[in-house]
Amino acid sequence: MKSRERVLKAINFDYPDRPPISHAILPSAQLYYGEKLRDILKDVHEDFGWNVLPDMSPKEYPPYYRKGEHRDGFGTLWSCAEDGEYGVPKQVPLENWDDYGEYRWPDFEIKPAKKHLYSGHMDGPSEDYYARGGWITFFEQMQQLRGFNQVLLDLAIKDKMVYRLRDDLLEFHLRHLDKWLTFNYDGLHFADDWGSQQSLMIDPELWREFFKPAYKKMFDKVLRAGLDVHFHSDGYIIDIIPDLLDIGVKVINAQVNIMGLDEMKKRFSGSVCFRTDLDRQNVTLFGTPDDVRKHIDSVFRAVGSEKGGVISCGEIGRDTPLDNIKAMYETFMKFRF
């Protein structure tokens, strides 16, 4: 079975020969492990056509992965301690609403990347692979424009300017999506981390009132073009998973173990495909290779079945032991329901 067919069958619950494999290898791991990681991956058949260890100089990294302080295209100043480690916004362009009148939205050119660092970008559409583009954030982009604490305060007091920011960012993304949709992709990937360890970061009703309509407009554009919507979100997001399904999300990349495997199986198995996010806080980081194998089996059987519903994925950082990385990929390749 070719990779594209395998992914489509997994997403649409049409009996793939095995769960397809998707990489989530952080640049810090690429830099730290280098050839040792290449040796593990050389026999892994990844199904999205990505060159996960590109020959890229750290000088080519985006601002949030490049050591030092660098400004991105939105005007946010990023501070990064080491090449390959995700940085933090040090200065945001809309910290003061008085500056909004002078702010100019960027106009980025979109190209399928020939080199890339993370799972949001692939080497371009191919008839043999499922082509997924994008890594489009909304809530996180608001934070990077306004500041995390300030955005939460704006939402709490329902500042009229935060509604203006939402609407202007939505218009930016709709223009941006027009460029993504000129390419022959099978799906586009959206991402916003919405959960803490115990709950959503904001009240679910506020999320539905403020953010859901914006997501729906973006997703509708993608769905009308005939593409699948993929959505990544860390943390405890079980309260909004039904909403995401309601507005057309086809694949969710979520930390299902945080929300309880039994509960996830009962509520969502068979209704959405999960790109798995293995327990990288405990199991893959501190467990044994056998722990990793058992964890994969429990996660896959909770959210998927022989019909499909699983894309094999586990995030790898520089602290993930090589033995656990090897065990993870060996299990991915051999797993069958």
C-alpha atoms as a PDB file:
ATOM      1  CA  MET A   1       0.000   0.000   0.000  1.00  0.00           C
ATOM      2  CA  LYS A   2       1.417   3.396  -0.979  1.00  0.00           C
ATOM      3  CA  SER A   3       1.775   6.023   1.705  1.00  0.00           C
ATOM      4  CA  ARG A   4      -0.926   8.371   0.439  1.00  0.00           C
ATOM      5  CA  GLU A   5      -3.479   5.572   0.276  1.00  0.00           C
ATOM      6  CA  ARG A   6      -2.458   4.379   3.757  1.00  0.00           C
ATOM      7  CA  VAL A   7      -2.968   7.843   5.276  1.00  0.00           C
ATOM      8  CA  LEU A   8      -6.306   8.418   3.546  1.00  0.00           C
ATOM      9  CA  LYS A   9      -7.568   5.027   4.701  1.00  0.00           C
ATOM     10  CA  ALA A  10      -6.470   5.733   8.292  1.00  0.00           C
ATOM     11  CA  ILE A  11      -8.172   9.142   8.316  1.00  0.00           C
ATOM     12  CA  ASN A  12     -11.366   7.828   6.742  1.00  0.00           C
ATOM     13  CA  PHE A  13     -11.591   4.540   8.703  1.00  0.00           C
ATOM     14  CA  ASP A  14     -11.163   2.402   5.612  1.00  0.00           C
ATOM     15  CA  TYR A  15      -8.834  -0.346   6.868  1.00  0.00           C
ATOM     16  CA  PRO A  16      -5.225   0.724   6.236  1.00  0.00           C
ATOM     17  CA  ASP A  17      -2.625  -2.042   6.197  1.00  0.00           C
ATOM     18  CA  ARG A  18      -0.999  -0.383   9.255  1.00  0.00           C
ATOM     19  CA  PRO A  19      -1.185   2.972  11.016  1.00  0.00           C
ATOM     20  CA  PRO A  20       0.777   5.482   8.924  1.00  0.00           C
ATOM     21  CA  ILE A  21       3.859   7.112  10.484  1.00  0.00           C
ATOM     22  CA  SER A  22       4.378  10.849  10.958  1.00  0.00           C
ATOM     23  CA  HIS A  23       7.525  12.441  12.378  1.00  0.00           C
ATOM     24  CA  ALA A  24       7.634  15.046  15.165  1.00  0.00           C
ATOM     25  CA  ILE A  25      11.366  15.459  15.693  1.00  0.00           C
ATOM     26  CA  LEU A  26      12.372  18.721  17.314  1.00  0.00           C
ATOM     27  CA  PRO A  27      15.398  20.526  15.868  1.00  0.00           C
ATOM     28  CA  SER A  28      17.153  20.239  19.237  1.00  0.00           C
ATOM     29  CA  ALA A  29      17.145  16.450  18.791  1.00  0.00           C
ATOM     30  CA  GLN A  30      18.345  16.759  15.220  1.00  0.00           C
ATOM     31  CA  LEU A  31      21.302  18.851  16.316  1.00  0.00           C
ATOM     32  CA  TYR A  32      22.083  16.771  19.411  1.00  0.00           C
ATOM     33  CA  TYR A  33      21.865  13.266  17.943  1.00  0.00           C
ATOM     34  CA  GLY A  34      22.773  13.867  14.299  1.00  0.00           C
ATOM     35  CA  GLU A  35      23.974  10.663  12.619  1.00  0.00           C
ATOM     36  CA  LYS A  36      22.828   8.467  15.512  1.00  0.00           C
ATOM     37  CA  LEU A  37      19.280   9.571  14.806  1.00  0.00           C
ATOM     38  CA  ARG A  38      19.751   9.114  11.077  1.00  0.00           C
ATOM     39  CA  ASP A  39      20.799   5.519  11.718  1.00  0.00           C
ATOM     40  CA  ILE A  40      17.546   4.823  13.560  1.00  0.00           C
ATOM     41  CA  LEU A  41      15.421   6.481  10.880  1.00  0.00           C
ATOM     42  CA  LYS A  42      17.041   4.959   7.801  1.00  0.00           C
ATOM     43  CA  ASP A  43      14.735   1.908   7.914  1.00  0.00           C
ATOM     44  CA  VAL A  44      11.596   3.814   8.992  1.00  0.00           C
ATOM     45  CA  HIS A  45       8.967   4.308   6.301  1.00  0.00           C
ATOM     46  CA  GLU A  46       7.437   7.694   7.056  1.00  0.00           C
ATOM     47  CA  ASP A  47       4.192   8.343   5.165  1.00  0.00           C
ATOM     48  CA  PHE A  48       4.138  12.124   4.643  1.00  0.00           C
ATOM     49  CA  GLY A  49       7.256  12.507   2.515  1.00  0.00           C
ATOM     50  CA  TRP A  50       9.313  14.644   4.911  1.00  0.00           C
ATOM     51  CA  ASN A  51      13.061  15.081   4.959  1.00  0.00           C
ATOM     52  CA  VAL A  52      13.259  15.184   8.749  1.00  0.00           C
ATOM     53  CA  LEU A  53      16.997  15.801   9.065  1.00  0.00           C
ATOM     54  CA  PRO A  54      17.723  18.467   6.448  1.00  0.00           C
ATOM     55  CA  ASP A  55      21.158  19.814   5.748  1.00  0.00           C
ATOM     56  CA  MET A  56      20.323  23.183   7.274  1.00  0.00           C
ATOM     57  CA  SER A  57      22.623  25.645   8.972  1.00  0.00           C
ATOM     58  CA  PRO A  58      21.352  27.123  12.262  1.00  0.00           C
ATOM     59  CA  LYS A  59      21.658  30.495  10.513  1.00  0.00           C
ATOM     60  CA  GLU A  60      18.714  29.383   8.360  1.00  0.00           C
ATOM     61  CA  TYR A  61      16.505  28.535  11.370  1.00  0.00           C
ATOM     62  CA  PRO A  62      13.411  30.660  11.947  1.00  0.00           C
ATOM     63  CA  PRO A  63      13.763  33.307  14.692  1.00  0.00           C
ATOM     64  CA  TYR A  64      12.173  31.168  17.415  1.00  0.00           C
ATOM     65  CA  TYR A  65      14.766  28.376  16.896  1.00  0.00           C
ATOM     66  CA  ARG A  66      17.878  30.519  16.357  1.00  0.00           C
ATOM     67  CA  LYS A  67      20.249  31.337  19.203  1.00  0.00           C
ATOM     68  CA  GLY A  68      20.154  34.958  20.294  1.00  0.00           C
ATOM     69  CA  GLU A  69      17.508  37.608  19.707  1.00  0.00           C
ATOM     70  CA  HIS A  70      15.785  37.803  16.339  1.00  0.00           C
ATOM     71  CA  ARG A  71      12.620  39.429  15.061  1.00  0.00           C
ATOM     72  CA  ASP A  72      10.029  37.556  13.024  1.00  0.00           C
ATOM     73  CA  GLY A  73       7.913  38.820  10.142  1.00  0.00           C
ATOM     74  CA  PHE A  74       5.141  40.007  12.485  1.00  0.00           C
ATOM     75  CA  GLY A  75       7.594  42.204  14.409  1.00  0.00           C
ATOM     76  CA  THR A  76       7.862  39.964  17.489  1.00  0.00           C
ATOM     77  CA  LEU A  77      11.342  39.819  19.052  1.00  0.00           C
ATOM     78  CA  TRP A  78      12.304  36.260  20.043  1.00  0.00           C
ATOM     79  CA  SER A  79      14.945  35.290  22.587  1.00  0.00           C
ATOM     80  CA  CYS A  80      16.429  31.814  22.124  1.00  0.00           C
ATOM     81  CA  ALA A  81      19.022  30.305  24.484  1.00  0.00           C
ATOM     82  CA  GLU A  82      20.367  27.657  22.091  1.00  0.00           C
ATOM     83  CA  ASP A  83      20.013  26.782  18.429  1.00  0.00           C
ATOM     84  CA  GLY A  84      17.167  24.311  18.041  1.00  0.00           C
ATOM     85  CA  GLU A  85      15.506  25.117  21.387  1.00  0.00           C
ATOM     86  CA  TYR A  86      12.174  26.922  21.118  1.00  0.00           C
ATOM     87  CA  GLY A  87      12.529  30.516  22.248  1.00  0.00           C
ATOM     88  CA  VAL A  88      10.198  32.949  23.983  1.00  0.00           C
ATOM     89  CA  PRO A  89       8.784  36.279  22.794  1.00  0.00           C
ATOM     90  CA  LYS A  90      10.781  39.033  24.473  1.00  0.00           C
ATOM     91  CA  GLN A  91       9.048  41.992  22.881  1.00  0.00           C
ATOM     92  CA  VAL A  92       5.643  42.089  21.186  1.00  0.00           C
ATOM     93  CA  PRO A  93       4.507  44.735  18.689  1.00  0.00           C
ATOM     94  CA  LEU A  94       1.030  45.348  20.161  1.00  0.00           C
ATOM     95  CA  GLU A  95       1.850  45.543  23.861  1.00  0.00           C
ATOM     96  CA  ASN A  96       0.248  48.985  23.761  1.00  0.00           C
ATOM     97  CA  TRP A  97      -3.054  49.320  21.913  1.00  0.00           C
ATOM     98  CA  ASP A  98      -2.023  52.872  20.964  1.00  0.00           C
ATOM     99  CA  ASP A  99       0.434  51.316  18.518  1.00  0.00           C
ATOM    100  CA  TYR A 100      -2.281  49.422  16.655  1.00  0.00           C
ATOM    101  CA  GLY A 101      -3.015  52.227  14.193  1.00  0.00           C
ATOM    102  CA  GLU A 102       0.564  52.096  12.924  1.00  0.00           C
ATOM    103  CA  TYR A 103       0.802  48.305  12.728  1.00  0.00           C
ATOM    104  CA  ARG A 104       1.140  46.772   9.263  1.00  0.00           C
ATOM    105  CA  TRP A 105       0.252  43.120   8.697  1.00  0.00           C
ATOM    106  CA  PRO A 106       2.926  41.152   6.836  1.00  0.00           C
ATOM    107  CA  ASP A 107       2.421  39.546   3.443  1.00  0.00           C
ATOM    108  CA  PHE A 108       4.327  36.261   3.354  1.00  0.00           C
ATOM    109  CA  GLU A 109       5.139  34.261   0.261  1.00  0.00           C
ATOM    110  CA  ILE A 110       4.180  30.585   0.588  1.00  0.00           C
ATOM    111  CA  LYS A 111       6.383  27.871  -0.901  1.00  0.00           C
ATOM    112  CA  PRO A 112       6.513  24.142  -0.188  1.00  0.00           C
ATOM    113  CA  ALA A 113       9.725  23.962   1.826  1.00  0.00           C
ATOM    114  CA  LYS A 114      12.715  22.113   0.393  1.00  0.00           C
ATOM    115  CA  LYS A 115      14.247  22.135   3.870  1.00  0.00           C
ATOM    116  CA  HIS A 116      12.371  22.260   7.137  1.00  0.00           C
ATOM    117  CA  LEU A 117      12.714  21.824  10.855  1.00  0.00           C
ATOM    118  CA  TYR A 118       9.444  20.564  12.205  1.00  0.00           C
ATOM    119  CA  SER A 119       6.329  18.693  11.335  1.00  0.00           C
ATOM    120  CA  GLY A 120       4.383  21.669  10.005  1.00  0.00           C
ATOM    121  CA  HIS A 121       6.309  21.797   6.750  1.00  0.00           C
ATOM    122  CA  MET A 122       6.864  19.150   4.122  1.00  0.00           C
ATOM    123  CA  ASP A 123       8.922  18.902   0.962  1.00  0.00           C
ATOM    124  CA  GLY A 124       5.993  19.438  -1.361  1.00  0.00           C
ATOM    125  CA  PRO A 125       3.070  17.492  -2.787  1.00  0.00           C
ATOM    126  CA  SER A 126       3.745  14.064  -4.297  1.00  0.00           C
ATOM    127  CA  GLU A 127       1.388  11.473  -5.715  1.00  0.00           C
ATOM    128  CA  ASP A 128       3.035   8.820  -3.533  1.00  0.00           C
ATOM    129  CA  TYR A 129       2.660  10.663  -0.220  1.00  0.00           C
ATOM    130  CA  TYR A 130      -0.133  12.382   1.663  1.00  0.00           C
ATOM    131  CA  ALA A 131       0.807  16.047   1.302  1.00  0.00           C
ATOM    132  CA  ARG A 132       0.115  18.196   4.346  1.00  0.00           C
ATOM    133  CA  GLY A 133       1.136  21.837   4.557  1.00  0.00           C
ATOM    134  CA  GLY A 134       0.857  24.652   7.036  1.00  0.00           C
ATOM    135  CA  TRP A 135       1.386  25.147  10.733  1.00  0.00           C
ATOM    136  CA  ILE A 136      -1.148  27.907  11.196  1.00  0.00           C
ATOM    137  CA  THR A 137      -1.676  29.327  14.688  1.00  0.00           C
ATOM    138  CA  PHE A 138      -4.350  31.744  15.902  1.00  0.00           C
ATOM    139  CA  PHE A 139      -4.448  31.977  19.715  1.00  0.00           C
ATOM    140  CA  GLU A 140      -0.671  31.615  19.839  1.00  0.00           C
ATOM    141  CA  GLN A 141      -0.218  34.294  17.188  1.00  0.00           C
ATOM    142  CA  MET A 142      -2.396  36.630  19.258  1.00  0.00           C
ATOM    143  CA  GLN A 143      -0.075  35.982  22.205  1.00  0.00           C
ATOM    144  CA  GLN A 144       2.976  36.728  20.079  1.00  0.00           C
ATOM    145  CA  LEU A 145       1.444  40.019  18.982  1.00  0.00           C
ATOM    146  CA  ARG A 146      -0.012  41.155  22.301  1.00  0.00           C
ATOM    147  CA  GLY A 147       1.589  39.025  25.059  1.00  0.00           C
ATOM    148  CA  PHE A 148       0.196  35.926  26.794  1.00  0.00           C
ATOM    149  CA  ASN A 149      -0.907  37.518  30.076  1.00  0.00           C
ATOM    150  CA  GLN A 150      -2.294  40.567  28.348  1.00  0.00           C
ATOM    151  CA  VAL A 151      -4.381  38.512  25.903  1.00  0.00           C
ATOM    152  CA  LEU A 152      -5.933  36.584  28.785  1.00  0.00           C
ATOM    153  CA  LEU A 153      -6.737  39.853  30.569  1.00  0.00           C
ATOM    154  CA  ASP A 154      -8.186  41.319  27.368  1.00  0.00           C
ATOM    155  CA  LEU A 155     -10.441  38.287  27.017  1.00  0.00           C
ATOM    156  CA  ALA A 156     -11.502  38.400  30.660  1.00  0.00           C
ATOM    157  CA  ILE A 157     -12.621  42.030  30.472  1.00  0.00           C
ATOM    158  CA  LYS A 158     -13.854  41.683  26.876  1.00  0.00           C
ATOM    159  CA  ASP A 159     -11.794  44.607  25.688  1.00  0.00           C
ATOM    160  CA  LYS A 160     -13.220  45.794  22.363  1.00  0.00           C
ATOM    161  CA  MET A 161      -9.686  45.950  20.930  1.00  0.00           C
ATOM    162  CA  VAL A 162      -9.121  42.218  21.376  1.00  0.00           C
ATOM    163  CA  TYR A 163     -12.152  41.645  19.130  1.00  0.00           C
ATOM    164  CA  ARG A 164     -10.549  43.917  16.545  1.00  0.00           C
ATOM    165  CA  LEU A 165      -7.300  41.945  16.844  1.00  0.00           C
ATOM    166  CA  ARG A 166      -9.198  38.668  16.383  1.00  0.00           C
ATOM    167  CA  ASP A 167     -11.005  39.920  13.298  1.00  0.00           C
ATOM    168  CA  ASP A 168      -7.903  41.433  11.697  1.00  0.00           C
ATOM    169  CA  LEU A 169      -5.878  38.271  12.378  1.00  0.00           C
ATOM    170  CA  LEU A 170      -8.682  36.213  10.856  1.00  0.00           C
ATOM    171  CA  GLU A 171      -8.595  38.321   7.697  1.00  0.00           C
ATOM    172  CA  PHE A 172      -4.820  37.907   7.555  1.00  0.00           C
ATOM    173  CA  HIS A 173      -5.161  34.127   7.816  1.00  0.00           C
ATOM    174  CA  LEU A 174      -7.903  33.944   5.202  1.00  0.00           C
ATOM    175  CA  ARG A 175      -5.590  35.780   2.779  1.00  0.00           C
ATOM    176  CA  HIS A 176      -2.751  33.498   3.840  1.00  0.00           C
ATOM    177  CA  LEU A 177      -4.892  30.384   3.233  1.00  0.00           C
ATOM    178  CA  ASP A 178      -5.582  31.496  -0.333  1.00  0.00           C
ATOM    179  CA  LYS A 179      -1.843  31.121  -0.945  1.00  0.00           C
ATOM    180  CA  TRP A 180      -1.648  27.691   0.710  1.00  0.00           C
ATOM    181  CA  LEU A 181      -4.577  26.523  -1.382  1.00  0.00           C
ATOM    182  CA  THR A 182      -2.796  27.224  -4.660  1.00  0.00           C
ATOM    183  CA  PHE A 183      -0.747  24.066  -3.983  1.00  0.00           C
ATOM    184  CA  ASN A 184      -1.965  20.510  -4.420  1.00  0.00           C
ATOM    185  CA  TYR A 185      -2.123  19.531  -0.751  1.00  0.00           C
ATOM    186  CA  ASP A 186      -4.309  16.849   0.798  1.00  0.00           C
ATOM    187  CA  GLY A 187      -4.589  18.653   4.136  1.00  0.00           C
ATOM    188  CA  LEU A 188      -3.575  21.771   6.057  1.00  0.00           C
ATOM    189  CA  HIS A 189      -2.375  21.795   9.642  1.00  0.00           C
ATOM    190  CA  PHE A 190      -3.567  24.273  12.279  1.00  0.00           C
ATOM    191  CA  ALA A 191      -2.104  24.458  15.782  1.00  0.00           C
ATOM    192  CA  ASP A 192      -2.872  26.184  19.094  1.00  0.00           C
ATOM    193  CA  ASP A 193      -2.012  24.856  22.548  1.00  0.00           C
ATOM    194  CA  TRP A 194      -5.252  25.242  24.495  1.00  0.00           C
ATOM    195  CA  GLY A 195      -4.858  23.071  27.566  1.00  0.00           C
ATOM    196  CA  SER A 196      -3.112  23.179  30.873  1.00  0.00           C
ATOM    197  CA  GLN A 197      -2.547  19.849  32.638  1.00  0.00           C
ATOM    198  CA  GLN A 198      -6.031  19.928  34.200  1.00  0.00           C
ATOM    199  CA  SER A 199      -8.289  22.131  32.090  1.00  0.00           C
ATOM    200  CA  LEU A 200      -8.708  24.495  29.189  1.00  0.00           C
ATOM    201  CA  MET A 201      -6.824  27.801  29.578  1.00  0.00           C
ATOM    202  CA  ILE A 202     -10.040  29.791  29.265  1.00  0.00           C
ATOM    203  CA  ASP A 203     -13.674  29.027  29.990  1.00  0.00           C
ATOM    204  CA  PRO A 204     -15.052  26.703  27.271  1.00  0.00           C
ATOM    205  CA  GLU A 205     -18.023  28.989  26.705  1.00  0.00           C
ATOM    206  CA  LEU A 206     -15.708  31.937  26.069  1.00  0.00           C
ATOM    207  CA  TRP A 207     -13.751  29.743  23.653  1.00  0.00           C
ATOM    208  CA  ARG A 208     -16.957  28.940  21.793  1.00  0.00           C
ATOM    209  CA  GLU A 209     -18.064  32.571  21.692  1.00  0.00           C
ATOM    210  CA  PHE A 210     -14.742  34.128  20.742  1.00  0.00           C
ATOM    211  CA  PHE A 211     -12.542  31.573  18.951  1.00  0.00           C
ATOM    212  CA  LYS A 212     -14.811  28.909  17.448  1.00  0.00           C
ATOM    213  CA  PRO A 213     -16.336  31.225  14.802  1.00  0.00           C
ATOM    214  CA  ALA A 214     -12.872  32.279  13.647  1.00  0.00           C
ATOM    215  CA  TYR A 215     -11.674  28.693  13.371  1.00  0.00           C
ATOM    216  CA  LYS A 216     -14.854  27.776  11.515  1.00  0.00           C
ATOM    217  CA  LYS A 217     -14.277  30.431   8.848  1.00  0.00           C
ATOM    218  CA  MET A 218     -10.726  29.220   8.285  1.00  0.00           C
ATOM    219  CA  PHE A 219     -11.689  25.555   8.281  1.00  0.00           C
ATOM    220  CA  ASP A 220     -14.635  26.176   5.943  1.00  0.00           C
ATOM    221  CA  LYS A 221     -12.270  27.655   3.367  1.00  0.00           C
ATOM    222  CA  VAL A 222     -10.026  24.597   3.582  1.00  0.00           C
ATOM    223  CA  LEU A 223     -12.940  22.143   3.474  1.00  0.00           C
ATOM    224  CA  ARG A 224     -14.520  23.859   0.462  1.00  0.00           C
ATOM    225  CA  ALA A 225     -11.236  23.359  -1.360  1.00  0.00           C
ATOM    226  CA  GLY A 226     -11.485  19.617  -0.654  1.00  0.00           C
ATOM    227  CA  LEU A 227      -8.661  19.385   1.888  1.00  0.00           C
ATOM    228  CA  ASP A 228      -8.603  17.754   5.328  1.00  0.00           C
ATOM    229  CA  VAL A 229      -8.221  19.916   8.441  1.00  0.00           C
ATOM    230  CA  HIS A 230      -5.559  18.794  10.937  1.00  0.00           C
ATOM    231  CA  PHE A 231      -5.392  20.389  14.391  1.00  0.00           C
ATOM    232  CA  HIS A 232      -2.694  20.206  17.061  1.00  0.00           C
ATOM    233  CA  SER A 233      -3.301  21.202  20.670  1.00  0.00           C
ATOM    234  CA  ASP A 234      -1.401  20.279  23.823  1.00  0.00           C
ATOM    235  CA  GLY A 235      -2.901  19.762  27.246  1.00  0.00           C
ATOM    236  CA  TYR A 236      -6.350  18.920  28.593  1.00  0.00           C
ATOM    237  CA  ILE A 237      -8.702  19.918  25.743  1.00  0.00           C
ATOM    238  CA  ILE A 238     -11.481  17.350  26.065  1.00  0.00           C
ATOM    239  CA  ASP A 239     -14.122  20.084  26.539  1.00  0.00           C
ATOM    240  CA  ILE A 240     -13.603  21.455  23.025  1.00  0.00           C
ATOM    241  CA  ILE A 241     -12.930  18.270  21.044  1.00  0.00           C
ATOM    242  CA  PRO A 242     -16.645  17.959  20.135  1.00  0.00           C
ATOM    243  CA  ASP A 243     -16.535  21.581  18.933  1.00  0.00           C
ATOM    244  CA  LEU A 244     -13.485  20.892  16.777  1.00  0.00           C
ATOM    245  CA  LEU A 245     -15.262  17.925  15.220  1.00  0.00           C
ATOM    246  CA  ASP A 246     -18.365  20.049  14.722  1.00  0.00           C
ATOM    247  CA  ILE A 247     -16.437  22.547  12.581  1.00  0.00           C
ATOM    248  CA  GLY A 248     -14.700  19.955  10.459  1.00  0.00           C
ATOM    249  CA  VAL A 249     -11.443  18.817  12.050  1.00  0.00           C
ATOM    250  CA  LYS A 250     -10.506  15.447  10.548  1.00  0.00           C
ATOM    251  CA  VAL A 251      -7.268  14.704  12.448  1.00  0.00           C
ATOM    252  CA  ILE A 252      -6.404  15.758  16.018  1.00  0.00           C
ATOM    253  CA  ASN A 253      -2.884  15.701  17.449  1.00  0.00           C
ATOM    254  CA  ALA A 254      -3.514  15.723  21.205  1.00  0.00           C
ATOM    255  CA  GLN A 255      -2.080  14.400  24.463  1.00  0.00           C
ATOM    256  CA  VAL A 256      -4.758  11.766  24.898  1.00  0.00           C
ATOM    257  CA  ASN A 257      -3.170  10.207  28.000  1.00  0.00           C
ATOM    258  CA  ILE A 258      -3.643  13.491  29.924  1.00  0.00           C
ATOM    259  CA  MET A 259      -7.386  13.270  29.293  1.00  0.00           C
ATOM    260  CA  GLY A 260      -7.646   9.566  30.166  1.00  0.00           C
ATOM    261  CA  LEU A 261      -7.470   6.748  27.641  1.00  0.00           C
ATOM    262  CA  ASP A 262     -10.697   5.109  28.802  1.00  0.00           C
ATOM    263  CA  GLU A 263     -12.608   8.380  28.482  1.00  0.00           C
ATOM    264  CA  MET A 264     -11.107   9.129  25.080  1.00  0.00           C
ATOM    265  CA  LYS A 265     -11.995   5.644  23.836  1.00  0.00           C
ATOM    266  CA  LYS A 266     -15.558   5.919  25.106  1.00  0.00           C
ATOM    267  CA  ARG A 267     -16.201   9.369  23.650  1.00  0.00           C
ATOM    268  CA  PHE A 268     -14.128   9.693  20.483  1.00  0.00           C
ATOM    269  CA  SER A 269     -12.844   6.356  19.160  1.00  0.00           C
ATOM    270  CA  GLY A 270     -14.150   5.940  15.630  1.00  0.00           C
ATOM    271  CA  SER A 271     -15.263   9.566  15.251  1.00  0.00           C
ATOM    272  CA  VAL A 272     -11.928  11.261  14.521  1.00  0.00           C
ATOM    273  CA  CYS A 273      -8.429  10.212  13.546  1.00  0.00           C
ATOM    274  CA  PHE A 274      -5.749  10.854  16.163  1.00  0.00           C
ATOM    275  CA  ARG A 275      -2.178  11.705  15.237  1.00  0.00           C
ATOM    276  CA  THR A 276      -0.845  10.339  18.483  1.00  0.00           C
ATOM    277  CA  ASP A 277       1.129  12.465  20.923  1.00  0.00           C
ATOM    278  CA  LEU A 278       2.757   9.887  23.181  1.00  0.00           C
ATOM    279  CA  ASP A 279       3.444  10.646  26.843  1.00  0.00           C
ATOM    280  CA  ARG A 280       6.629  12.710  26.423  1.00  0.00           C
ATOM    281  CA  GLN A 281       6.487  14.002  29.984  1.00  0.00           C
ATOM    282  CA  ASN A 282       6.978  10.567  31.505  1.00  0.00           C
ATOM    283  CA  VAL A 283       7.055   7.452  29.339  1.00  0.00           C
ATOM    284  CA  THR A 284       9.260   8.312  26.363  1.00  0.00           C
ATOM    285  CA  LEU A 285      11.494  10.505  28.521  1.00  0.00           C
ATOM    286  CA  PHE A 286      11.950   8.405  31.674  1.00  0.00           C
ATOM    287  CA  GLY A 287      10.518   4.967  30.832  1.00  0.00           C
ATOM    288  CA  THR A 288      12.264   1.913  29.467  1.00  0.00           C
ATOM    289  CA  PRO A 289      11.978   0.753  25.842  1.00  0.00           C
ATOM    290  CA  ASP A 290       9.470  -1.855  27.026  1.00  0.00           C
ATOM    291  CA  ASP A 291       7.439   0.890  28.723  1.00  0.00           C
ATOM    292  CA  VAL A 292       7.385   2.726  25.396  1.00  0.00           C
ATOM    293  CA  ARG A 293       6.158  -0.357  23.530  1.00  0.00           C
ATOM    294  CA  LYS A 294       3.376  -1.012  26.039  1.00  0.00           C
ATOM    295  CA  HIS A 295       2.352   2.654  26.045  1.00  0.00           C
ATOM    296  CA  ILE A 296       2.027   2.713  22.261  1.00  0.00           C
ATOM    297  CA  ASP A 297      -0.146  -0.399  22.335  1.00  0.00           C
ATOM    298  CA  SER A 298      -2.475   1.098  24.973  1.00  0.00           C
ATOM    299  CA  VAL A 299      -2.787   4.463  23.192  1.00  0.00           C
ATOM    300  CA  PHE A 300      -3.414   2.954  19.758  1.00  0.00           C
ATOM    301  CA  ARG A 301      -6.048   0.541  21.051  1.00  0.00           C
ATOM    302  CA  ALA A 302      -7.791   3.311  22.976  1.00  0.00           C
ATOM    303  CA  VAL A 303      -8.275   5.698  20.055  1.00  0.00           C
ATOM    304  CA  GLY A 304      -8.106   3.460  16.980  1.00  0.00           C
ATOM    305  CA  SER A 305      -8.997   0.084  15.532  1.00  0.00           C
ATOM    306  CA  GLU A 306      -8.303  -2.069  12.484  1.00  0.00           C
ATOM    307  CA  LYS A 307     -10.616   0.311  10.613  1.00  0.00           C
ATOM    308  CA  GLY A 308      -8.202   3.192  11.189  1.00  0.00           C
ATOM    309  CA  GLY A 309      -8.214   6.337  13.310  1.00  0.00           C
ATOM    310  CA  VAL A 310      -4.504   6.339  14.197  1.00  0.00           C
ATOM    311  CA  ILE A 311      -1.478   8.121  12.746  1.00  0.00           C
ATOM    312  CA  SER A 312       1.661   6.952  14.561  1.00  0.00           C
ATOM    313  CA  CYS A 313       3.513   9.907  16.033  1.00  0.00           C
ATOM    314  CA  GLY A 314       5.644  10.706  19.074  1.00  0.00           C
ATOM    315  CA  GLU A 315       7.539  13.928  19.691  1.00  0.00           C
ATOM    316  CA  ILE A 316      11.309  13.607  20.079  1.00  0.00           C
ATOM    317  CA  GLY A 317      13.489  16.149  21.888  1.00  0.00           C
ATOM    318  CA  ARG A 318      17.163  16.164  22.751  1.00  0.00           C
ATOM    319  CA  ASP A 319      16.388  14.544  26.120  1.00  0.00           C
ATOM    320  CA  THR A 320      14.539  11.567  24.615  1.00  0.00           C
ATOM    321  CA  PRO A 321      16.842   8.521  25.037  1.00  0.00           C
ATOM    322  CA  LEU A 322      18.001   6.935  21.793  1.00  0.00           C
ATOM    323  CA  ASP A 323      16.884   3.493  22.985  1.00  0.00           C
ATOM    324  CA  ASN A 324      13.371   4.817  23.480  1.00  0.00           C
ATOM    325  CA  ILE A 325      13.383   6.501  20.078  1.00  0.00           C
ATOM    326  CA  LYS A 326      14.424   3.221  18.476  1.00  0.00           C
ATOM    327  CA  ALA A 327      11.763   1.264  20.395  1.00  0.00           C
ATOM    328  CA  MET A 328       9.102   3.772  19.372  1.00  0.00           C
ATOM    329  CA  TYR A 329       9.822   3.539  15.665  1.00  0.00           C
ATOM    330  CA  GLU A 330      10.257  -0.229  15.707  1.00  0.00           C
ATOM    331  CA  THR A 331       6.835  -0.503  17.354  1.00  0.00           C
ATOM    332  CA  PHE A 332       5.300   1.895  14.844  1.00  0.00           C
ATOM    333  CA  MET A 333       6.577  -0.213  11.959  1.00  0.00           C
ATOM    334  CA  LYS A 334       5.452  -3.538  13.405  1.00  0.00           C
ATOM    335  CA  PHE A 335       2.126  -2.553  14.976  1.00  0.00           C
ATOM    336  CA  ARG A 336      -1.005  -4.228  13.689  1.00  0.00           C
ATOM    337  CA  PHE A 337      -4.490  -4.305  15.235  1.00  0.00           C
END
